[in-house]
Amino acid sequence: MTEPWRPIVDRRFAADAEAHRRDAPRFCPRCATALALASEFWEADDRRFYCACTGCGWSGEIIPTGDGVLGHEPEH
């Protein structure tokens, strides 16, 4: 008797999938509603998330920073 079919599980991308689950934005930066879409892509060394909100219609890119928050206020 033959063995039942079993899917082949590719574990090479398990760390990438875990990083995506951990880092993907969850809330809209405009209205704080849960995001409908957070698709990750890379540009050079930057990880970027293309996001869309069904609450307010906002869409755009969110780039996570590894060193905390980058502000735009000039030094005093």
Protein backbone atom coordinates (compact mmCIF):
# COMPACT_ATOMS: atom_id res chain seq x y z
CA MET A 1 0.00 0.00 0.00
CA THR A 2 1.31 3.46 -0.84
CA GLU A 3 1.68 6.28 1.65
CA PRO A 4 -0.84 9.10 1.49
CA TRP A 5 0.34 12.28 -0.22
CA ARG A 6 2.02 14.79 2.07
CA PRO A 7 2.81 18.36 1.06
CA ILE A 8 6.44 19.41 0.93
CA VAL A 9 7.02 22.17 3.46
CA ASP A 10 9.74 24.63 2.48
CA ARG A 11 11.28 26.01 5.68
CA ARG A 12 13.82 28.32 3.97
CA PHE A 13 11.56 31.34 4.29
CA ALA A 14 10.23 30.68 7.79
CA ALA A 15 12.34 33.50 9.30
CA ASP A 16 11.12 35.96 6.64
CA ALA A 17 7.50 34.96 7.24
CA GLU A 18 7.93 35.42 11.00
CA ALA A 19 9.55 38.85 10.49
CA HIS A 20 6.63 39.87 8.27
CA ARG A 21 4.07 38.78 10.88
CA ARG A 22 6.00 40.65 13.58
CA ASP A 23 6.74 43.88 11.69
CA ALA A 24 3.79 44.41 9.35
CA PRO A 25 1.83 47.58 10.21
CA ARG A 26 -1.54 46.78 11.71
CA PHE A 27 -3.23 50.18 12.01
CA CYS A 28 -3.71 53.09 9.65
CA PRO A 29 -1.43 56.06 10.45
CA ARG A 30 -4.25 58.42 9.46
CA CYS A 31 -7.36 57.07 11.25
CA ALA A 32 -6.07 54.14 13.41
CA THR A 33 -8.45 51.63 11.77
CA ALA A 34 -7.09 48.14 11.17
CA LEU A 35 -5.33 48.03 7.79
CA ALA A 36 -6.90 45.96 5.03
CA LEU A 37 -3.62 45.34 3.22
CA ALA A 38 0.05 45.33 4.19
CA SER A 39 2.12 43.90 1.36
CA GLU A 40 5.86 43.76 1.99
CA PHE A 41 8.52 44.45 -0.63
CA TRP A 42 12.18 45.42 -0.62
CA GLU A 43 13.98 48.35 -2.20
CA ALA A 44 17.75 48.03 -1.84
CA ASP A 45 18.25 47.40 1.90
CA ASP A 46 14.90 48.93 2.94
CA ARG A 47 11.91 46.80 3.83
CA ARG A 48 8.73 48.58 2.77
CA PHE A 49 5.08 47.82 3.34
CA TYR A 50 2.48 49.00 0.86
CA CYS A 51 -0.65 49.54 2.93
CA ALA A 52 -4.29 50.34 2.27
CA CYS A 53 -7.03 51.37 4.69
CA THR A 54 -10.70 50.72 4.03
CA GLY A 55 -11.68 53.05 6.89
CA CYS A 56 -10.50 56.36 5.44
CA GLY A 57 -9.23 55.38 1.99
CA TRP A 58 -5.57 56.15 2.77
CA SER A 59 -2.91 54.16 0.96
CA GLY A 60 0.85 54.50 1.00
CA GLU A 61 4.16 53.03 2.04
CA ILE A 62 5.40 52.49 5.56
CA ILE A 63 9.12 51.92 6.06
CA PRO A 64 10.04 50.39 9.43
CA THR A 65 13.11 51.86 11.14
CA GLY A 66 15.45 49.75 13.22
CA ASP A 67 16.73 52.62 15.36
CA GLY A 68 13.47 54.00 16.71
CA VAL A 69 11.48 56.93 15.40
CA LEU A 70 12.88 59.42 12.90
CA GLY A 71 11.49 62.89 13.47
CA HIS A 72 11.33 65.86 11.15
CA GLU A 73 11.69 68.59 13.76
CA PRO A 74 14.95 70.57 13.45
CA GLU A 75 17.44 70.80 16.32
CA HIS A 76 16.89 73.69 18.75
